[in-house]
């Protein structure tokens, strides 16, 4: 595939084929760890790192691996990078590593990663595979951070609490608060709140997509009418 449209790859990853909101992949960690925005950001960056490294590796070895054994090889590649990311987080982000817990090694079971390896990286060159992984990872991270921010704000009345877990002591004052009088809604940070928030995000995306679909034909029609010569 030589005529890669990088703009389309980025749009698909961030919006049109968002792995969380459209493909509905990786929902287990997405729903489980997004009690705060920082938790979502941490898992999103870890998932994106694994996605980029695995897509790049799969693209490089795509002509060396026999079709019959490609999936086990892809899983081994992904598991290797998940282990590297897990050890790195344990070494440099130990407190965040403890908060995210079992969901870091479970990145290996994220269907979005094996899906992109099989559907895209195994058929394309290195650069398009990296761009695809970055776009898909950023789209997934945006969904994690948005859901985490929404649950944290409604449930606890704060935003970016415990940012120091990721950014160090310099971020200890980054927490935004709605004030001590805000009691919060416990449901938002419980598992049902995750499902409700996810449903609202999917509904909002569908509403936006429907409105964009309705405006596109009108825009095309107006453009065509402007181009029609005046014969009166």
Foldseek 3Di string as FASTA:
>chain_A
DPPDDLVVLLCCQQAVVQCCQHVVWPVVLLLPQLLALLLLLVLLVLLLQLLLQLLLVLLVCLVVDDPVCSLVVSLVSSLVSLVVSLVVCCVPLVVSSVSSDPVSSCSSVTVVRSVLSVPPSSVDHNPSSNSNSNSNSVNSSVSSNVLSQVLNCQAPQKHCAPVCSPVNPVCNPVIDGPDPVRNHDNCCSDSVVSVVSSVVVSVVSVVVVVVVVVVVVVVVVVVVVVVDDDPD
